Amino acid sequence: MSQRKDKEKVIGEHFDDERIKSFLDFPPPEGVNRDYHVLVKAYRGMGEENFNTFVQFFLEAGYDINATGPDGKTFLQTIKDHHSGGTYLQALEKAGAR
């Protein structure tokens, strides 16, 4: 039985734009799509407000909001059942994630 890791709560930390953009530079592990990987890092490391801003920078940089992970799912598909994913899902859907 596998256990799904849900979003851990990020409390009281607001990033400036440069810190948010720094999440675009996380190199992926071998065999993992770069665009998918940076979405994962941002989701795990940012609060909702920062993630919304990150998605805008992500798209402006030309990254693929529908990149797939090692399991063949988009990031939206990966987090759709997470208990705390609501606002994150909305930001992704607004950006065209499927």
PDB file of N, CA and C in Angstrom:
ATOM      1  N   MET A   1       0.857  -1.176   0.000  1.00  0.00           N
ATOM      2  CA  MET A   1       0.000   0.000   0.000  1.00  0.00           C
ATOM      3  C   MET A   1       0.897   1.231   0.000  1.00  0.00           C
ATOM      4  N   SER A   2       0.682   2.113  -0.965  1.00  0.00           N
ATOM      5  CA  SER A   2       1.476   3.334  -0.997  1.00  0.00           C
ATOM      6  C   SER A   2       0.725   4.449  -0.302  1.00  0.00           C
ATOM      7  N   GLN A   3       1.476   5.314   0.292  1.00  0.00           N
ATOM      8  CA  GLN A   3       0.882   6.433   0.996  1.00  0.00           C
ATOM      9  C   GLN A   3       1.196   7.705   0.228  1.00  0.00           C
ATOM     10  N   ARG A   4       0.195   8.501  -0.020  1.00  0.00           N
ATOM     11  CA  ARG A   4       0.364   9.735  -0.776  1.00  0.00           C
ATOM     12  C   ARG A   4       0.764  10.855   0.182  1.00  0.00           C
ATOM     13  N   LYS A   5       1.778  11.603  -0.230  1.00  0.00           N
ATOM     14  CA  LYS A   5       2.210  12.736   0.576  1.00  0.00           C
ATOM     15  C   LYS A   5       1.359  13.942   0.202  1.00  0.00           C
ATOM     16  N   ASP A   6       0.687  14.516   1.162  1.00  0.00           N
ATOM     17  CA  ASP A   6      -0.155  15.683   0.935  1.00  0.00           C
ATOM     18  C   ASP A   6       0.672  16.935   1.178  1.00  0.00           C
ATOM     19  N   LYS A   7       0.102  18.068   0.839  1.00  0.00           N
ATOM     20  CA  LYS A   7       0.737  19.365   1.019  1.00  0.00           C
ATOM     21  C   LYS A   7       0.950  19.639   2.496  1.00  0.00           C
ATOM     22  N   GLU A   8       2.187  19.959   2.849  1.00  0.00           N
ATOM     23  CA  GLU A   8       2.456  20.394   4.208  1.00  0.00           C
ATOM     24  C   GLU A   8       2.203  21.885   4.275  1.00  0.00           C
ATOM     25  N   LYS A   9       1.640  22.335   5.366  1.00  0.00           N
ATOM     26  CA  LYS A   9       1.272  23.731   5.497  1.00  0.00           C
ATOM     27  C   LYS A   9       2.506  24.623   5.636  1.00  0.00           C
ATOM     28  N   VAL A  10       2.555  25.666   4.820  1.00  0.00           N
ATOM     29  CA  VAL A  10       3.615  26.663   4.891  1.00  0.00           C
ATOM     30  C   VAL A  10       2.996  27.874   5.580  1.00  0.00           C
ATOM     31  N   ILE A  11       3.569  28.257   6.716  1.00  0.00           N
ATOM     32  CA  ILE A  11       2.947  29.297   7.534  1.00  0.00           C
ATOM     33  C   ILE A  11       3.758  30.587   7.527  1.00  0.00           C
ATOM     34  N   GLY A  12       3.054  31.696   7.263  1.00  0.00           N
ATOM     35  CA  GLY A  12       3.589  33.028   7.491  1.00  0.00           C
ATOM     36  C   GLY A  12       4.811  33.446   6.722  1.00  0.00           C
ATOM     37  N   GLU A  13       5.133  32.812   5.626  1.00  0.00           N
ATOM     38  CA  GLU A  13       6.321  33.223   4.887  1.00  0.00           C
ATOM     39  C   GLU A  13       5.909  33.765   3.533  1.00  0.00           C
ATOM     40  N   HIS A  14       6.263  35.029   3.300  1.00  0.00           N
ATOM     41  CA  HIS A  14       5.983  35.653   2.008  1.00  0.00           C
ATOM     42  C   HIS A  14       7.319  35.867   1.310  1.00  0.00           C
ATOM     43  N   PHE A  15       7.391  35.411   0.066  1.00  0.00           N
ATOM     44  CA  PHE A  15       8.621  35.550  -0.706  1.00  0.00           C
ATOM     45  C   PHE A  15       8.522  36.772  -1.600  1.00  0.00           C
ATOM     46  N   ASP A  16       9.663  37.438  -1.828  1.00  0.00           N
ATOM     47  CA  ASP A  16       9.671  38.503  -2.830  1.00  0.00           C
ATOM     48  C   ASP A  16       9.769  37.843  -4.214  1.00  0.00           C
ATOM     49  N   ASP A  17       9.637  38.645  -5.267  1.00  0.00           N
ATOM     50  CA  ASP A  17       9.611  38.097  -6.621  1.00  0.00           C
ATOM     51  C   ASP A  17      10.886  37.323  -6.970  1.00  0.00           C
ATOM     52  N   GLU A  18      12.024  37.813  -6.534  1.00  0.00           N
ATOM     53  CA  GLU A  18      13.281  37.125  -6.844  1.00  0.00           C
ATOM     54  C   GLU A  18      13.333  35.745  -6.189  1.00  0.00           C
ATOM     55  N   ARG A  19      12.862  35.657  -4.967  1.00  0.00           N
ATOM     56  CA  ARG A  19      12.838  34.353  -4.281  1.00  0.00           C
ATOM     57  C   ARG A  19      11.867  33.416  -4.987  1.00  0.00           C
ATOM     58  N   ILE A  20      10.732  33.923  -5.403  1.00  0.00           N
ATOM     59  CA  ILE A  20       9.761  33.097  -6.118  1.00  0.00           C
ATOM     60  C   ILE A  20      10.372  32.605  -7.431  1.00  0.00           C
ATOM     61  N   LYS A  21      11.015  33.502  -8.164  1.00  0.00           N
ATOM     62  CA  LYS A  21      11.641  33.123  -9.439  1.00  0.00           C
ATOM     63  C   LYS A  21      12.764  32.110  -9.255  1.00  0.00           C
ATOM     64  N   SER A  22      13.390  32.105  -8.089  1.00  0.00           N
ATOM     65  CA  SER A  22      14.491  31.173  -7.856  1.00  0.00           C
ATOM     66  C   SER A  22      14.026  29.719  -7.941  1.00  0.00           C
ATOM     67  N   PHE A  23      12.740  29.474  -7.745  1.00  0.00           N
ATOM     68  CA  PHE A  23      12.208  28.117  -7.847  1.00  0.00           C
ATOM     69  C   PHE A  23      12.217  27.605  -9.293  1.00  0.00           C
ATOM     70  N   LEU A  24      12.356  28.501 -10.249  1.00  0.00           N
ATOM     71  CA  LEU A  24      12.445  28.092 -11.649  1.00  0.00           C
ATOM     72  C   LEU A  24      13.791  27.450 -11.966  1.00  0.00           C
ATOM     73  N   ASP A  25      14.746  27.579 -11.063  1.00  0.00           N
ATOM     74  CA  ASP A  25      16.109  27.123 -11.319  1.00  0.00           C
ATOM     75  C   ASP A  25      16.482  25.813 -10.641  1.00  0.00           C
ATOM     76  N   PHE A  26      15.531  25.110 -10.045  1.00  0.00           N
ATOM     77  CA  PHE A  26      15.859  23.846  -9.396  1.00  0.00           C
ATOM     78  C   PHE A  26      16.114  22.773 -10.452  1.00  0.00           C
ATOM     79  N   PRO A  27      17.327  22.241 -10.511  1.00  0.00           N
ATOM     80  CA  PRO A  27      17.597  21.198 -11.499  1.00  0.00           C
ATOM     81  C   PRO A  27      16.888  19.901 -11.098  1.00  0.00           C
ATOM     82  N   PRO A  28      16.308  19.217 -12.073  1.00  0.00           N
ATOM     83  CA  PRO A  28      15.580  17.984 -11.760  1.00  0.00           C
ATOM     84  C   PRO A  28      16.534  16.800 -11.595  1.00  0.00           C
ATOM     85  N   PRO A  29      16.075  15.785 -10.891  1.00  0.00           N
ATOM     86  CA  PRO A  29      16.847  14.547 -10.854  1.00  0.00           C
ATOM     87  C   PRO A  29      16.856  13.926 -12.262  1.00  0.00           C
ATOM     88  N   GLU A  30      17.796  13.084 -12.510  1.00  0.00           N
ATOM     89  CA  GLU A  30      17.895  12.436 -13.815  1.00  0.00           C
ATOM     90  C   GLU A  30      16.594  11.700 -14.138  1.00  0.00           C
ATOM     91  N   GLY A  31      16.098  11.915 -15.346  1.00  0.00           N
ATOM     92  CA  GLY A  31      14.896  11.226 -15.795  1.00  0.00           C
ATOM     93  C   GLY A  31      13.590  11.913 -15.429  1.00  0.00           C
ATOM     94  N   VAL A  32      13.657  13.068 -14.758  1.00  0.00           N
ATOM     95  CA  VAL A  32      12.448  13.801 -14.369  1.00  0.00           C
ATOM     96  C   VAL A  32      12.367  15.077 -15.200  1.00  0.00           C
ATOM     97  N   ASN A  33      11.200  15.335 -15.757  1.00  0.00           N
ATOM     98  CA  ASN A  33      10.972  16.531 -16.557  1.00  0.00           C
ATOM     99  C   ASN A  33      11.217  17.776 -15.717  1.00  0.00           C
ATOM    100  N   ARG A  34      12.011  18.694 -16.240  1.00  0.00           N
ATOM    101  CA  ARG A  34      12.368  19.925 -15.511  1.00  0.00           C
ATOM    102  C   ARG A  34      11.138  20.729 -15.116  1.00  0.00           C
ATOM    103  N   ASP A  35      10.201  20.924 -16.033  1.00  0.00           N
ATOM    104  CA  ASP A  35       9.038  21.755 -15.761  1.00  0.00           C
ATOM    105  C   ASP A  35       8.165  21.144 -14.668  1.00  0.00           C
ATOM    106  N   TYR A  36       7.967  19.854 -14.737  1.00  0.00           N
ATOM    107  CA  TYR A  36       7.204  19.147 -13.704  1.00  0.00           C
ATOM    108  C   TYR A  36       7.912  19.292 -12.353  1.00  0.00           C
ATOM    109  N   HIS A  37       9.222  19.102 -12.364  1.00  0.00           N
ATOM    110  CA  HIS A  37      10.004  19.158 -11.127  1.00  0.00           C
ATOM    111  C   HIS A  37       9.896  20.514 -10.434  1.00  0.00           C
ATOM    112  N   VAL A  38       9.998  21.606 -11.197  1.00  0.00           N
ATOM    113  CA  VAL A  38       9.928  22.916 -10.538  1.00  0.00           C
ATOM    114  C   VAL A  38       8.523  23.189 -10.002  1.00  0.00           C
ATOM    115  N   LEU A  39       7.490  22.658 -10.640  1.00  0.00           N
ATOM    116  CA  LEU A  39       6.139  22.779 -10.075  1.00  0.00           C
ATOM    117  C   LEU A  39       6.056  22.070  -8.731  1.00  0.00           C
ATOM    118  N   VAL A  40       6.629  20.889  -8.651  1.00  0.00           N
ATOM    119  CA  VAL A  40       6.638  20.139  -7.389  1.00  0.00           C
ATOM    120  C   VAL A  40       7.362  20.935  -6.301  1.00  0.00           C
ATOM    121  N   LYS A  41       8.532  21.452  -6.639  1.00  0.00           N
ATOM    122  CA  LYS A  41       9.315  22.209  -5.652  1.00  0.00           C
ATOM    123  C   LYS A  41       8.554  23.442  -5.167  1.00  0.00           C
ATOM    124  N   ALA A  42       7.923  24.152  -6.095  1.00  0.00           N
ATOM    125  CA  ALA A  42       7.170  25.347  -5.713  1.00  0.00           C
ATOM    126  C   ALA A  42       5.973  24.988  -4.840  1.00  0.00           C
ATOM    127  N   TYR A  43       5.269  23.952  -5.193  1.00  0.00           N
ATOM    128  CA  TYR A  43       4.103  23.501  -4.426  1.00  0.00           C
ATOM    129  C   TYR A  43       4.493  23.136  -2.999  1.00  0.00           C
ATOM    130  N   ARG A  44       5.582  22.446  -2.876  1.00  0.00           N
ATOM    131  CA  ARG A  44       6.031  22.022  -1.539  1.00  0.00           C
ATOM    132  C   ARG A  44       6.649  23.157  -0.729  1.00  0.00           C
ATOM    133  N   GLY A  45       7.187  24.168  -1.420  1.00  0.00           N
ATOM    134  CA  GLY A  45       7.941  25.187  -0.712  1.00  0.00           C
ATOM    135  C   GLY A  45       7.278  26.541  -0.557  1.00  0.00           C
ATOM    136  N   MET A  46       6.071  26.698  -1.105  1.00  0.00           N
ATOM    137  CA  MET A  46       5.414  28.009  -1.071  1.00  0.00           C
ATOM    138  C   MET A  46       3.999  27.924  -0.535  1.00  0.00           C
ATOM    139  N   GLY A  47       3.580  29.056   0.033  1.00  0.00           N
ATOM    140  CA  GLY A  47       2.185  29.202   0.393  1.00  0.00           C
ATOM    141  C   GLY A  47       1.357  29.523  -0.849  1.00  0.00           C
ATOM    142  N   GLU A  48       0.064  29.526  -0.697  1.00  0.00           N
ATOM    143  CA  GLU A  48      -0.864  29.723  -1.819  1.00  0.00           C
ATOM    144  C   GLU A  48      -0.623  31.027  -2.570  1.00  0.00           C
ATOM    145  N   GLU A  49      -0.476  32.110  -1.858  1.00  0.00           N
ATOM    146  CA  GLU A  49      -0.287  33.426  -2.465  1.00  0.00           C
ATOM    147  C   GLU A  49       0.989  33.450  -3.321  1.00  0.00           C
ATOM    148  N   ASN A  50       2.064  32.888  -2.791  1.00  0.00           N
ATOM    149  CA  ASN A  50       3.317  32.833  -3.531  1.00  0.00           C
ATOM    150  C   ASN A  50       3.209  31.903  -4.734  1.00  0.00           C
ATOM    151  N   PHE A  51       2.481  30.809  -4.590  1.00  0.00           N
ATOM    152  CA  PHE A  51       2.347  29.852  -5.690  1.00  0.00           C
ATOM    153  C   PHE A  51       1.608  30.479  -6.868  1.00  0.00           C
ATOM    154  N   ASN A  52       0.604  31.275  -6.601  1.00  0.00           N
ATOM    155  CA  ASN A  52      -0.105  31.972  -7.688  1.00  0.00           C
ATOM    156  C   ASN A  52       0.856  32.839  -8.491  1.00  0.00           C
ATOM    157  N   THR A  53       1.714  33.566  -7.801  1.00  0.00           N
ATOM    158  CA  THR A  53       2.704  34.409  -8.465  1.00  0.00           C
ATOM    159  C   THR A  53       3.710  33.541  -9.221  1.00  0.00           C
ATOM    160  N   PHE A  54       4.118  32.445  -8.608  1.00  0.00           N
ATOM    161  CA  PHE A  54       5.057  31.535  -9.256  1.00  0.00           C
ATOM    162  C   PHE A  54       4.504  31.025 -10.589  1.00  0.00           C
ATOM    163  N   VAL A  55       3.246  30.647 -10.627  1.00  0.00           N
ATOM    164  CA  VAL A  55       2.645  30.120 -11.855  1.00  0.00           C
ATOM    165  C   VAL A  55       2.732  31.172 -12.970  1.00  0.00           C
ATOM    166  N   GLN A  56       2.532  32.431 -12.643  1.00  0.00           N
ATOM    167  CA  GLN A  56       2.658  33.492 -13.647  1.00  0.00           C
ATOM    168  C   GLN A  56       4.088  33.549 -14.192  1.00  0.00           C
ATOM    169  N   PHE A  57       5.077  33.522 -13.304  1.00  0.00           N
ATOM    170  CA  PHE A  57       6.480  33.550 -13.725  1.00  0.00           C
ATOM    171  C   PHE A  57       6.830  32.289 -14.525  1.00  0.00           C
ATOM    172  N   PHE A  58       6.294  31.169 -14.108  1.00  0.00           N
ATOM    173  CA  PHE A  58       6.512  29.879 -14.773  1.00  0.00           C
ATOM    174  C   PHE A  58       6.069  29.958 -16.235  1.00  0.00           C
ATOM    175  N   LEU A  59       4.873  30.498 -16.453  1.00  0.00           N
ATOM    176  CA  LEU A  59       4.352  30.626 -17.816  1.00  0.00           C
ATOM    177  C   LEU A  59       5.143  31.654 -18.622  1.00  0.00           C
ATOM    178  N   GLU A  60       5.468  32.784 -18.001  1.00  0.00           N
ATOM    179  CA  GLU A  60       6.243  33.823 -18.687  1.00  0.00           C
ATOM    180  C   GLU A  60       7.612  33.302 -19.140  1.00  0.00           C
ATOM    181  N   ALA A  61       8.169  32.360 -18.382  1.00  0.00           N
ATOM    182  CA  ALA A  61       9.470  31.789 -18.721  1.00  0.00           C
ATOM    183  C   ALA A  61       9.358  30.728 -19.819  1.00  0.00           C
ATOM    184  N   GLY A  62       8.126  30.425 -20.239  1.00  0.00           N
ATOM    185  CA  GLY A  62       7.920  29.462 -21.313  1.00  0.00           C
ATOM    186  C   GLY A  62       7.892  28.013 -20.867  1.00  0.00           C
ATOM    187  N   TYR A  63       7.717  27.784 -19.586  1.00  0.00           N
ATOM    188  CA  TYR A  63       7.654  26.415 -19.081  1.00  0.00           C
ATOM    189  C   TYR A  63       6.286  25.818 -19.399  1.00  0.00           C
ATOM    190  N   ASP A  64       6.210  24.498 -19.389  1.00  0.00           N
ATOM    191  CA  ASP A  64       5.006  23.755 -19.761  1.00  0.00           C
ATOM    192  C   ASP A  64       4.187  23.387 -18.530  1.00  0.00           C
ATOM    193  N   ILE A  65       3.016  24.009 -18.386  1.00  0.00           N
ATOM    194  CA  ILE A  65       2.140  23.769 -17.235  1.00  0.00           C
ATOM    195  C   ILE A  65       1.566  22.345 -17.262  1.00  0.00           C
ATOM    196  N   ASN A  66       1.635  21.684 -18.423  1.00  0.00           N
ATOM    197  CA  ASN A  66       1.113  20.324 -18.550  1.00  0.00           C
ATOM    198  C   ASN A  66       2.219  19.282 -18.727  1.00  0.00           C
ATOM    199  N   ALA A  67       3.418  19.628 -18.288  1.00  0.00           N
ATOM    200  CA  ALA A  67       4.512  18.655 -18.308  1.00  0.00           C
ATOM    201  C   ALA A  67       4.126  17.475 -17.416  1.00  0.00           C
ATOM    202  N   THR A  68       4.631  16.317 -17.754  1.00  0.00           N
ATOM    203  CA  THR A  68       4.282  15.123 -16.978  1.00  0.00           C
ATOM    204  C   THR A  68       5.451  14.655 -16.127  1.00  0.00           C
ATOM    205  N   GLY A  69       5.090  14.010 -15.030  1.00  0.00           N
ATOM    206  CA  GLY A  69       6.077  13.438 -14.128  1.00  0.00           C
ATOM    207  C   GLY A  69       6.415  12.017 -14.528  1.00  0.00           C
ATOM    208  N   PRO A  70       7.221  11.367 -13.725  1.00  0.00           N
ATOM    209  CA  PRO A  70       7.651  10.001 -14.038  1.00  0.00           C
ATOM    210  C   PRO A  70       6.489   9.006 -14.187  1.00  0.00           C
ATOM    211  N   ASP A  71       5.366   9.309 -13.553  1.00  0.00           N
ATOM    212  CA  ASP A  71       4.208   8.414 -13.635  1.00  0.00           C
ATOM    213  C   ASP A  71       3.294   8.733 -14.820  1.00  0.00           C
ATOM    214  N   GLY A  72       3.678   9.733 -15.632  1.00  0.00           N
ATOM    215  CA  GLY A  72       2.893  10.096 -16.801  1.00  0.00           C
ATOM    216  C   GLY A  72       1.746  11.059 -16.528  1.00  0.00           C
ATOM    217  N   LYS A  73       1.607  11.505 -15.290  1.00  0.00           N
ATOM    218  CA  LYS A  73       0.546  12.443 -14.917  1.00  0.00           C
ATOM    219  C   LYS A  73       1.065  13.875 -14.938  1.00  0.00           C
ATOM    220  N   THR A  74       0.165  14.808 -15.263  1.00  0.00           N
ATOM    221  CA  THR A  74       0.512  16.215 -15.126  1.00  0.00           C
ATOM    222  C   THR A  74       0.529  16.543 -13.640  1.00  0.00           C
ATOM    223  N   PHE A  75       1.086  17.704 -13.309  1.00  0.00           N
ATOM    224  CA  PHE A  75       1.120  18.079 -11.898  1.00  0.00           C
ATOM    225  C   PHE A  75      -0.292  18.284 -11.358  1.00  0.00           C
ATOM    226  N   LEU A  76      -1.176  18.852 -12.155  1.00  0.00           N
ATOM    227  CA  LEU A  76      -2.565  19.020 -11.733  1.00  0.00           C
ATOM    228  C   LEU A  76      -3.182  17.665 -11.388  1.00  0.00           C
ATOM    229  N   GLN A  77      -2.965  16.677 -12.225  1.00  0.00           N
ATOM    230  CA  GLN A  77      -3.500  15.335 -11.963  1.00  0.00           C
ATOM    231  C   GLN A  77      -2.890  14.738 -10.698  1.00  0.00           C
ATOM    232  N   THR A  78      -1.642  15.044 -10.449  1.00  0.00           N
ATOM    233  CA  THR A  78      -0.950  14.508  -9.278  1.00  0.00           C
ATOM    234  C   THR A  78      -1.537  15.030  -7.977  1.00  0.00           C
ATOM    235  N   ILE A  79      -1.886  16.334  -7.935  1.00  0.00           N
ATOM    236  CA  ILE A  79      -2.337  16.917  -6.658  1.00  0.00           C
ATOM    237  C   ILE A  79      -3.845  17.046  -6.533  1.00  0.00           C
ATOM    238  N   LYS A  80      -4.599  16.625  -7.533  1.00  0.00           N
ATOM    239  CA  LYS A  80      -6.045  16.871  -7.515  1.00  0.00           C
ATOM    240  C   LYS A  80      -6.759  16.273  -6.309  1.00  0.00           C
ATOM    241  N   ASP A  81      -6.225  15.239  -5.706  1.00  0.00           N
ATOM    242  CA  ASP A  81      -6.864  14.632  -4.548  1.00  0.00           C
ATOM    243  C   ASP A  81      -6.237  15.036  -3.217  1.00  0.00           C
ATOM    244  N   HIS A  82      -5.281  15.946  -3.258  1.00  0.00           N
ATOM    245  CA  HIS A  82      -4.665  16.392  -2.009  1.00  0.00           C
ATOM    246  C   HIS A  82      -5.664  17.232  -1.213  1.00  0.00           C
ATOM    247  N   HIS A  83      -5.712  16.991   0.044  1.00  0.00           N
ATOM    248  CA  HIS A  83      -6.647  17.687   0.933  1.00  0.00           C
ATOM    249  C   HIS A  83      -6.470  19.203   0.891  1.00  0.00           C
ATOM    250  N   SER A  84      -5.239  19.665   0.848  1.00  0.00           N
ATOM    251  CA  SER A  84      -4.955  21.102   0.890  1.00  0.00           C
ATOM    252  C   SER A  84      -4.631  21.684  -0.474  1.00  0.00           C
ATOM    253  N   GLY A  85      -5.006  21.011  -1.537  1.00  0.00           N
ATOM    254  CA  GLY A  85      -4.623  21.447  -2.861  1.00  0.00           C
ATOM    255  C   GLY A  85      -5.522  22.476  -3.511  1.00  0.00           C
ATOM    256  N   GLY A  86      -6.660  22.826  -2.917  1.00  0.00           N
ATOM    257  CA  GLY A  86      -7.676  23.654  -3.549  1.00  0.00           C
ATOM    258  C   GLY A  86      -7.207  24.900  -4.270  1.00  0.00           C
ATOM    259  N   THR A  87      -6.572  25.808  -3.566  1.00  0.00           N
ATOM    260  CA  THR A  87      -6.135  27.060  -4.176  1.00  0.00           C
ATOM    261  C   THR A  87      -5.012  26.822  -5.181  1.00  0.00           C
ATOM    262  N   TYR A  88      -4.181  25.849  -4.910  1.00  0.00           N
ATOM    263  CA  TYR A  88      -3.104  25.496  -5.835  1.00  0.00           C
ATOM    264  C   TYR A  88      -3.708  24.962  -7.137  1.00  0.00           C
ATOM    265  N   LEU A  89      -4.717  24.121  -7.009  1.00  0.00           N
ATOM    266  CA  LEU A  89      -5.410  23.590  -8.195  1.00  0.00           C
ATOM    267  C   LEU A  89      -6.025  24.714  -9.006  1.00  0.00           C
ATOM    268  N   GLN A  90      -6.638  25.662  -8.342  1.00  0.00           N
ATOM    269  CA  GLN A  90      -7.267  26.788  -9.041  1.00  0.00           C
ATOM    270  C   GLN A  90      -6.229  27.582  -9.831  1.00  0.00           C
ATOM    271  N   ALA A  91      -5.064  27.814  -9.239  1.00  0.00           N
ATOM    272  CA  ALA A  91      -3.999  28.559  -9.927  1.00  0.00           C
ATOM    273  C   ALA A  91      -3.540  27.797 -11.167  1.00  0.00           C
ATOM    274  N   LEU A  92      -3.413  26.489 -11.043  1.00  0.00           N
ATOM    275  CA  LEU A  92      -2.985  25.668 -12.176  1.00  0.00           C
ATOM    276  C   LEU A  92      -4.045  25.642 -13.278  1.00  0.00           C
ATOM    277  N   GLU A  93      -5.305  25.460 -12.891  1.00  0.00           N
ATOM    278  CA  GLU A  93      -6.382  25.409 -13.872  1.00  0.00           C
ATOM    279  C   GLU A  93      -6.527  26.744 -14.605  1.00  0.00           C
ATOM    280  N   LYS A  94      -6.410  27.830 -13.869  1.00  0.00           N
ATOM    281  CA  LYS A  94      -6.492  29.163 -14.467  1.00  0.00           C
ATOM    282  C   LYS A  94      -5.391  29.362 -15.505  1.00  0.00           C
ATOM    283  N   ALA A  95      -4.246  28.709 -15.280  1.00  0.00           N
ATOM    284  CA  ALA A  95      -3.103  28.812 -16.176  1.00  0.00           C
ATOM    285  C   ALA A  95      -3.198  27.833 -17.353  1.00  0.00           C
ATOM    286  N   GLY A  96      -4.267  27.035 -17.389  1.00  0.00           N
ATOM    287  CA  GLY A  96      -4.464  26.108 -18.504  1.00  0.00           C
ATOM    288  C   GLY A  96      -4.044  24.678 -18.235  1.00  0.00           C
ATOM    289  N   ALA A  97      -3.762  24.363 -16.967  1.00  0.00           N
ATOM    290  CA  ALA A  97      -3.364  22.982 -16.637  1.00  0.00           C
ATOM    291  C   ALA A  97      -4.548  22.033 -16.840  1.00  0.00           C
ATOM    292  N   ARG A  98      -4.177  20.823 -17.279  1.00  0.00           N
ATOM    293  CA  ARG A  98      -5.208  19.773 -17.470  1.00  0.00           C
ATOM    294  C   ARG A  98      -4.829  18.553 -16.672  1.00  0.00           C
TER     295      ARG A  98
END
